[in-house]
Structure formats: C-alpha cells, structure tokens
Amino acid sequence: MKNSRHLLFIPLLFIFFAGCKTDQPTPTPETAVLTGIVQIVYGDPALLQLGTPMPAASPEDYTARKLQIFNTDGSELLHEISFSEDGTYRIELAPGTYIVNVAPFGLDTALDLPTVIVMSKGLKRTLDIIIDTGVR
C-alpha cells in the first residue's frame, strides 16, 4: 500500500513541474519582410537602362554601403543594415510606415530614394535599389 501512494505522487510532481517550466518559447510579434537587390553603377545610369554593360561591383563595394530605415518623419534612425556581398538585403520590420534610404557614402546617390513604405503583417515586399556612385 505504501508503494501505491508513491506511484500516485510521481505523476502529481510531474504535472506541477511541467506547469512551472520557464523555457517555453515566448510569442513573437508578426513581422513584415523587406528584401531587394542593390545594383551599384559606375557610369551613367541612363546607359544602364539602354543595356550598356557596366563595370561589376566587388563584394566589398556592397558590404561598405548600408540601408537605413527611419520612422515616418525621418527624425529617428530605427535600423541600419549592410548589404550582403552579392548585393542583396533582407530585414524584418514590425508593421508600420517607414522611410527607406541608403546611408551617405562618397558621392553615391540612390535613385528613387528616400521613399516611404508601408509594411503590414505577413507582407513580403521587394525594393530593388540602384546606387549611382558618381564615377564617370
């Protein structure tokens, strides 16, 4: 009889400690994803549109430049990420409205930036960027 009470006690301990478990994953907020491909142009960007071959950018050319994400009025930098060596980027953002720009770098100008984007839960948005280095 003594052993049967212990057998009932063990499942109760298991239930108690299972309820106290602290390593359970915490829910994460749903995000949106902004991705894109960056093209660095050494020469006149108009020639690029005509299909004229341009000198290729090196992996270091891409990683030296950064994408910036600002709040809606542009007063606060929220995120800054480097482009990958192949000129791609990916960032998860909370739903909201943002201003996207490229960080100042030499004579660079990014065509069509800064721009306002609106991100909503589950959205995957592509924003490709052309950077004119000013080198002619």
N, C-alpha and C. Protein backbone atom coordinates (compact mmCIF):
# COMPACT_ATOMS: atom_id res chain seq x y z
N MET A 1 0.81 -1.19 0.00
CA MET A 1 0.00 0.00 0.00
C MET A 1 0.86 1.27 0.00
N LYS A 2 1.96 1.20 0.71
CA LYS A 2 2.86 2.33 0.79
C LYS A 2 3.43 2.69 -0.60
N ASN A 3 3.78 1.70 -1.40
CA ASN A 3 4.32 1.93 -2.73
C ASN A 3 3.28 2.52 -3.67
N SER A 4 2.02 2.18 -3.53
CA SER A 4 0.99 2.72 -4.42
C SER A 4 0.77 4.21 -4.21
N ARG A 5 0.93 4.69 -2.96
CA ARG A 5 0.83 6.13 -2.72
C ARG A 5 1.96 6.88 -3.41
N HIS A 6 3.15 6.31 -3.41
CA HIS A 6 4.29 6.93 -4.08
C HIS A 6 4.08 6.97 -5.59
N LEU A 7 3.44 5.94 -6.12
CA LEU A 7 3.16 5.91 -7.56
C LEU A 7 2.19 7.00 -7.97
N LEU A 8 1.25 7.34 -7.09
CA LEU A 8 0.33 8.44 -7.38
C LEU A 8 1.01 9.79 -7.21
N PHE A 9 1.96 9.88 -6.32
CA PHE A 9 2.65 11.11 -6.04
C PHE A 9 3.55 11.54 -7.21
N ILE A 10 4.18 10.61 -7.90
CA ILE A 10 5.10 10.92 -9.00
C ILE A 10 4.38 11.64 -10.14
N PRO A 11 3.22 11.17 -10.63
CA PRO A 11 2.54 11.94 -11.70
C PRO A 11 2.15 13.34 -11.25
N LEU A 12 1.77 13.51 -9.98
CA LEU A 12 1.41 14.85 -9.50
C LEU A 12 2.62 15.78 -9.52
N LEU A 13 3.79 15.27 -9.15
CA LEU A 13 5.01 16.09 -9.23
C LEU A 13 5.31 16.47 -10.67
N PHE A 14 5.15 15.54 -11.58
CA PHE A 14 5.41 15.82 -12.99
C PHE A 14 4.50 16.93 -13.50
N ILE A 15 3.21 16.86 -13.16
CA ILE A 15 2.25 17.89 -13.59
C ILE A 15 2.63 19.24 -13.00
N PHE A 16 3.02 19.26 -11.73
CA PHE A 16 3.40 20.51 -11.07
C PHE A 16 4.61 21.14 -11.76
N PHE A 17 5.68 20.37 -11.97
CA PHE A 17 6.89 20.93 -12.57
C PHE A 17 6.71 21.26 -14.04
N ALA A 18 5.87 20.54 -14.73
CA ALA A 18 5.60 20.87 -16.13
C ALA A 18 4.93 22.24 -16.23
N GLY A 19 4.06 22.56 -15.27
CA GLY A 19 3.41 23.86 -15.26
C GLY A 19 4.35 24.99 -14.91
N CYS A 20 5.46 24.69 -14.22
CA CYS A 20 6.43 25.71 -13.81
C CYS A 20 7.54 25.89 -14.83
N LYS A 21 7.48 25.23 -15.92
CA LYS A 21 8.55 25.27 -16.91
C LYS A 21 8.80 26.71 -17.38
N THR A 22 10.07 27.14 -17.40
CA THR A 22 10.38 28.53 -17.75
C THR A 22 11.00 28.67 -19.13
N ASP A 23 11.32 27.55 -19.79
CA ASP A 23 11.97 27.67 -21.09
C ASP A 23 10.98 27.57 -22.26
N GLN A 24 9.72 27.83 -22.00
CA GLN A 24 8.73 27.81 -23.07
C GLN A 24 8.95 29.03 -23.96
N PRO A 25 8.82 28.84 -25.27
CA PRO A 25 9.06 29.98 -26.16
C PRO A 25 8.01 31.07 -25.95
N THR A 26 8.47 32.30 -25.99
CA THR A 26 7.53 33.41 -25.87
C THR A 26 7.06 33.79 -27.27
N PRO A 27 5.82 34.18 -27.40
CA PRO A 27 5.32 34.55 -28.73
C PRO A 27 6.07 35.76 -29.28
N THR A 28 6.34 35.76 -30.56
CA THR A 28 6.99 36.89 -31.20
C THR A 28 5.95 37.65 -32.02
N PRO A 29 6.13 38.96 -32.14
CA PRO A 29 5.16 39.71 -32.94
C PRO A 29 5.28 39.34 -34.42
N GLU A 30 4.17 39.38 -35.11
CA GLU A 30 4.20 39.11 -36.54
C GLU A 30 4.90 40.27 -37.23
N THR A 31 5.73 39.93 -38.20
CA THR A 31 6.52 40.95 -38.87
C THR A 31 6.26 40.95 -40.36
N ALA A 32 6.86 41.91 -41.00
CA ALA A 32 6.87 42.00 -42.45
C ALA A 32 8.32 41.92 -42.88
N VAL A 33 8.56 41.55 -44.14
CA VAL A 33 9.92 41.39 -44.63
C VAL A 33 10.14 42.31 -45.82
N LEU A 34 11.22 43.07 -45.76
CA LEU A 34 11.64 43.92 -46.86
C LEU A 34 12.91 43.31 -47.44
N THR A 35 12.89 43.02 -48.74
CA THR A 35 14.05 42.45 -49.41
C THR A 35 14.33 43.21 -50.68
N GLY A 36 15.50 42.98 -51.23
CA GLY A 36 15.80 43.61 -52.50
C GLY A 36 17.19 43.29 -52.99
N ILE A 37 17.45 43.76 -54.19
CA ILE A 37 18.76 43.62 -54.82
C ILE A 37 19.28 45.02 -55.11
N VAL A 38 20.53 45.23 -54.78
CA VAL A 38 21.18 46.53 -54.99
C VAL A 38 22.08 46.41 -56.21
N GLN A 39 22.03 47.42 -57.06
CA GLN A 39 22.92 47.48 -58.19
C GLN A 39 23.75 48.75 -58.05
N ILE A 40 25.06 48.60 -58.05
CA ILE A 40 25.96 49.74 -57.94
C ILE A 40 26.45 50.07 -59.34
N VAL A 41 26.24 51.33 -59.74
CA VAL A 41 26.54 51.74 -61.11
C VAL A 41 27.77 52.66 -61.11
N TYR A 42 28.78 52.26 -61.87
CA TYR A 42 29.96 53.08 -62.12
C TYR A 42 29.82 53.60 -63.54
N GLY A 43 29.23 54.74 -63.70
CA GLY A 43 28.95 55.30 -65.02
C GLY A 43 27.57 55.91 -65.02
N ASP A 44 27.12 56.34 -66.16
CA ASP A 44 25.82 57.00 -66.29
C ASP A 44 24.70 55.97 -66.16
N PRO A 45 23.80 56.13 -65.17
CA PRO A 45 22.70 55.19 -65.02
C PRO A 45 21.79 55.10 -66.25
N ALA A 46 21.74 56.16 -67.07
CA ALA A 46 20.94 56.12 -68.30
C ALA A 46 21.46 55.04 -69.24
N LEU A 47 22.78 54.83 -69.24
CA LEU A 47 23.36 53.79 -70.08
C LEU A 47 22.93 52.40 -69.60
N LEU A 48 22.73 52.27 -68.31
CA LEU A 48 22.27 51.01 -67.75
C LEU A 48 20.91 50.64 -68.33
N GLN A 49 20.03 51.61 -68.44
CA GLN A 49 18.69 51.38 -68.99
C GLN A 49 18.75 51.02 -70.47
N LEU A 50 19.80 51.42 -71.16
CA LEU A 50 19.96 51.07 -72.56
C LEU A 50 20.62 49.72 -72.75
N GLY A 51 20.97 49.07 -71.65
CA GLY A 51 21.59 47.75 -71.73
C GLY A 51 23.09 47.77 -71.90
N THR A 52 23.70 48.93 -71.72
CA THR A 52 25.15 49.03 -71.83
C THR A 52 25.80 48.35 -70.63
N PRO A 53 26.76 47.46 -70.86
CA PRO A 53 27.43 46.79 -69.74
C PRO A 53 28.16 47.81 -68.86
N MET A 54 28.09 47.57 -67.56
CA MET A 54 28.76 48.43 -66.58
C MET A 54 29.82 47.61 -65.86
N PRO A 55 30.85 48.27 -65.34
CA PRO A 55 31.83 47.53 -64.54
C PRO A 55 31.13 46.88 -63.34
N ALA A 56 31.54 45.68 -63.01
CA ALA A 56 30.93 44.96 -61.90
C ALA A 56 31.43 45.50 -60.56
N ALA A 57 30.53 45.55 -59.61
CA ALA A 57 30.89 45.97 -58.26
C ALA A 57 31.48 44.77 -57.52
N SER A 58 32.43 45.03 -56.66
CA SER A 58 33.04 43.96 -55.87
C SER A 58 32.19 43.67 -54.63
N PRO A 59 32.39 42.52 -54.00
CA PRO A 59 31.67 42.25 -52.75
C PRO A 59 31.88 43.35 -51.71
N GLU A 60 33.09 43.90 -51.66
CA GLU A 60 33.38 44.98 -50.71
C GLU A 60 32.60 46.25 -51.04
N ASP A 61 32.33 46.48 -52.33
CA ASP A 61 31.52 47.65 -52.72
C ASP A 61 30.13 47.55 -52.10
N TYR A 62 29.59 46.35 -52.08
CA TYR A 62 28.25 46.16 -51.50
C TYR A 62 28.26 46.26 -49.98
N THR A 63 29.18 45.54 -49.34
CA THR A 63 29.17 45.49 -47.87
C THR A 63 29.56 46.83 -47.23
N ALA A 64 30.21 47.70 -47.98
CA ALA A 64 30.59 49.02 -47.44
C ALA A 64 29.38 49.96 -47.35
N ARG A 65 28.33 49.64 -48.07
CA ARG A 65 27.15 50.50 -48.09
C ARG A 65 26.06 49.93 -47.20
N LYS A 66 25.20 50.84 -46.71
CA LYS A 66 24.17 50.42 -45.75
C LYS A 66 22.79 50.95 -46.14
N LEU A 67 21.81 50.16 -45.77
CA LEU A 67 20.41 50.55 -45.91
C LEU A 67 19.95 51.10 -44.58
N GLN A 68 19.23 52.22 -44.62
CA GLN A 68 18.73 52.84 -43.40
C GLN A 68 17.20 52.86 -43.42
N ILE A 69 16.63 52.57 -42.26
CA ILE A 69 15.18 52.60 -42.08
C ILE A 69 14.88 53.63 -40.98
N PHE A 70 14.09 54.65 -41.34
CA PHE A 70 13.74 55.73 -40.41
C PHE A 70 12.25 55.66 -40.05
N ASN A 71 11.91 56.35 -38.97
CA ASN A 71 10.50 56.49 -38.62
C ASN A 71 9.80 57.36 -39.67
N THR A 72 8.49 57.54 -39.52
CA THR A 72 7.69 58.19 -40.57
C THR A 72 8.08 59.62 -40.88
N ASP A 73 8.62 60.36 -39.92
CA ASP A 73 9.01 61.74 -40.23
C ASP A 73 10.51 61.88 -40.49
N GLY A 74 11.23 60.76 -40.47
CA GLY A 74 12.66 60.78 -40.78
C GLY A 74 13.54 61.30 -39.66
N SER A 75 12.98 61.49 -38.47
CA SER A 75 13.76 62.06 -37.38
C SER A 75 14.54 61.03 -36.58
N GLU A 76 14.20 59.74 -36.72
CA GLU A 76 14.87 58.71 -35.92
C GLU A 76 15.28 57.53 -36.80
N LEU A 77 16.55 57.19 -36.75
CA LEU A 77 17.06 56.01 -37.44
C LEU A 77 16.69 54.78 -36.61
N LEU A 78 15.89 53.90 -37.20
CA LEU A 78 15.43 52.71 -36.49
C LEU A 78 16.31 51.49 -36.76
N HIS A 79 16.75 51.34 -37.99
CA HIS A 79 17.56 50.18 -38.38
C HIS A 79 18.61 50.63 -39.41
N GLU A 80 19.75 49.99 -39.35
CA GLU A 80 20.78 50.19 -40.36
C GLU A 80 21.44 48.84 -40.60
N ILE A 81 21.40 48.37 -41.85
CA ILE A 81 21.99 47.07 -42.17
C ILE A 81 22.91 47.22 -43.36
N SER A 82 23.94 46.39 -43.40
CA SER A 82 24.84 46.34 -44.55
C SER A 82 24.23 45.44 -45.61
N PHE A 83 24.53 45.73 -46.85
CA PHE A 83 24.13 44.85 -47.93
C PHE A 83 25.04 43.63 -47.91
N SER A 84 24.56 42.50 -48.38
CA SER A 84 25.40 41.31 -48.44
C SER A 84 26.39 41.43 -49.60
N GLU A 85 27.33 40.53 -49.67
CA GLU A 85 28.38 40.59 -50.68
C GLU A 85 27.86 40.48 -52.10
N ASP A 86 26.68 39.89 -52.27
CA ASP A 86 26.11 39.76 -53.61
C ASP A 86 25.11 40.86 -53.94
N GLY A 87 25.00 41.85 -53.03
CA GLY A 87 24.13 42.98 -53.28
C GLY A 87 22.68 42.78 -52.88
N THR A 88 22.40 41.74 -52.13
CA THR A 88 21.03 41.53 -51.66
C THR A 88 20.91 42.02 -50.22
N TYR A 89 19.69 42.18 -49.78
CA TYR A 89 19.44 42.51 -48.38
C TYR A 89 18.09 41.95 -47.98
N ARG A 90 17.92 41.79 -46.68
CA ARG A 90 16.66 41.31 -46.10
C ARG A 90 16.58 41.83 -44.68
N ILE A 91 15.43 42.40 -44.34
CA ILE A 91 15.22 42.88 -42.98
C ILE A 91 13.76 42.64 -42.59
N GLU A 92 13.57 42.17 -41.37
CA GLU A 92 12.22 42.01 -40.82
C GLU A 92 11.86 43.30 -40.09
N LEU A 93 10.64 43.76 -40.35
CA LEU A 93 10.16 45.00 -39.74
C LEU A 93 8.81 44.76 -39.09
N ALA A 94 8.56 45.48 -38.03
CA ALA A 94 7.22 45.47 -37.45
C ALA A 94 6.28 46.19 -38.41
N PRO A 95 5.02 45.84 -38.41
CA PRO A 95 4.08 46.57 -39.27
C PRO A 95 4.14 48.07 -38.96
N GLY A 96 4.10 48.88 -40.02
CA GLY A 96 4.15 50.32 -39.84
C GLY A 96 4.59 51.02 -41.11
N THR A 97 4.78 52.32 -40.99
CA THR A 97 5.21 53.16 -42.11
C THR A 97 6.63 53.62 -41.84
N TYR A 98 7.48 53.52 -42.85
CA TYR A 98 8.90 53.82 -42.70
C TYR A 98 9.40 54.64 -43.88
N ILE A 99 10.54 55.31 -43.67
CA ILE A 99 11.27 55.96 -44.76
C ILE A 99 12.54 55.13 -44.96
N VAL A 100 12.77 54.72 -46.21
CA VAL A 100 13.93 53.90 -46.55
C VAL A 100 14.91 54.77 -47.34
N ASN A 101 16.19 54.67 -46.98
CA ASN A 101 17.23 55.41 -47.68
C ASN A 101 18.53 54.62 -47.62
N VAL A 102 19.50 55.06 -48.37
CA VAL A 102 20.84 54.49 -48.33
C VAL A 102 21.71 55.48 -47.55
N ALA A 103 22.55 54.94 -46.67
CA ALA A 103 23.44 55.80 -45.88
C ALA A 103 24.39 56.55 -46.80
N PRO A 104 24.71 57.79 -46.48
CA PRO A 104 25.66 58.55 -47.29
C PRO A 104 26.99 57.81 -47.41
N PHE A 105 27.53 57.76 -48.63
CA PHE A 105 28.79 57.09 -48.89
C PHE A 105 29.42 57.74 -50.11
N GLY A 106 30.47 58.47 -49.92
CA GLY A 106 31.13 59.14 -51.03
C GLY A 106 30.17 60.03 -51.80
N LEU A 107 30.18 59.89 -53.12
CA LEU A 107 29.29 60.67 -53.99
C LEU A 107 28.00 59.93 -54.32
N ASP A 108 27.79 58.78 -53.68
CA ASP A 108 26.63 57.95 -54.00
C ASP A 108 25.31 58.70 -53.91
N THR A 109 24.45 58.40 -54.86
CA THR A 109 23.05 58.78 -54.77
C THR A 109 22.24 57.54 -55.15
N ALA A 110 21.18 57.31 -54.44
CA ALA A 110 20.33 56.17 -54.74
C ALA A 110 19.11 56.68 -55.51
N LEU A 111 18.92 56.13 -56.69
CA LEU A 111 17.79 56.55 -57.50
C LEU A 111 16.49 56.16 -56.80
N ASP A 112 15.53 57.05 -56.80
CA ASP A 112 14.21 56.86 -56.21
C ASP A 112 14.21 56.72 -54.69
N LEU A 113 15.29 57.11 -54.04
CA LEU A 113 15.32 57.10 -52.58
C LEU A 113 15.66 58.49 -52.08
N PRO A 114 15.21 58.90 -50.93
CA PRO A 114 14.41 58.14 -49.97
C PRO A 114 12.98 57.92 -50.48
N THR A 115 12.37 56.87 -49.92
CA THR A 115 10.98 56.57 -50.27
C THR A 115 10.24 56.10 -49.02
N VAL A 116 8.94 56.28 -49.04
CA VAL A 116 8.09 55.85 -47.93
C VAL A 116 7.52 54.48 -48.28
N ILE A 117 7.59 53.56 -47.31
CA ILE A 117 6.99 52.24 -47.49
C ILE A 117 6.03 51.98 -46.35
N VAL A 118 5.00 51.23 -46.63
CA VAL A 118 4.04 50.81 -45.62
C VAL A 118 4.12 49.29 -45.55
N MET A 119 4.40 48.78 -44.36
CA MET A 119 4.56 47.34 -44.16
C MET A 119 3.43 46.85 -43.26
N SER A 120 2.82 45.73 -43.65
CA SER A 120 1.77 45.13 -42.84
C SER A 120 2.14 43.69 -42.51
N LYS A 121 1.50 43.12 -41.50
CA LYS A 121 1.82 41.77 -41.03
C LYS A 121 1.82 40.77 -42.19
N GLY A 122 2.86 39.97 -42.23
CA GLY A 122 2.94 38.91 -43.22
C GLY A 122 3.35 39.35 -44.61
N LEU A 123 3.51 40.65 -44.83
CA LEU A 123 3.85 41.17 -46.15
C LEU A 123 5.33 40.92 -46.45
N LYS A 124 5.62 40.49 -47.66
CA LYS A 124 6.99 40.41 -48.14
C LYS A 124 7.07 41.36 -49.32
N ARG A 125 7.85 42.42 -49.14
CA ARG A 125 7.94 43.46 -50.15
C ARG A 125 9.35 43.52 -50.71
N THR A 126 9.45 43.73 -52.01
CA THR A 126 10.74 43.85 -52.67
C THR A 126 10.97 45.30 -53.07
N LEU A 127 12.12 45.82 -52.70
CA LEU A 127 12.51 47.17 -53.08
C LEU A 127 13.95 47.08 -53.62
N ASP A 128 14.06 47.03 -54.94
CA ASP A 128 15.37 47.00 -55.58
C ASP A 128 15.93 48.41 -55.64
N ILE A 129 17.25 48.53 -55.49
CA ILE A 129 17.89 49.84 -55.38
C ILE A 129 19.02 49.95 -56.39
N ILE A 130 19.08 51.09 -57.07
CA ILE A 130 20.20 51.40 -57.94
C ILE A 130 20.98 52.54 -57.31
N ILE A 131 22.26 52.30 -57.09
CA ILE A 131 23.13 53.31 -56.50
C ILE A 131 24.06 53.85 -57.58
N ASP A 132 23.99 55.14 -57.80
CA ASP A 132 24.89 55.82 -58.75
C ASP A 132 26.07 56.32 -57.94
N THR A 133 27.26 55.82 -58.25
CA THR A 133 28.46 56.20 -57.49
C THR A 133 28.98 57.59 -57.85
N GLY A 134 28.51 58.13 -58.95
CA GLY A 134 29.01 59.42 -59.39
C GLY A 134 30.31 59.30 -60.18
N VAL A 135 30.85 58.10 -60.28
CA VAL A 135 32.08 57.89 -61.04
C VAL A 135 31.74 57.80 -62.51
N ARG A 136 32.41 58.61 -63.33
CA ARG A 136 32.14 58.62 -64.77
C ARG A 136 33.38 58.30 -65.53
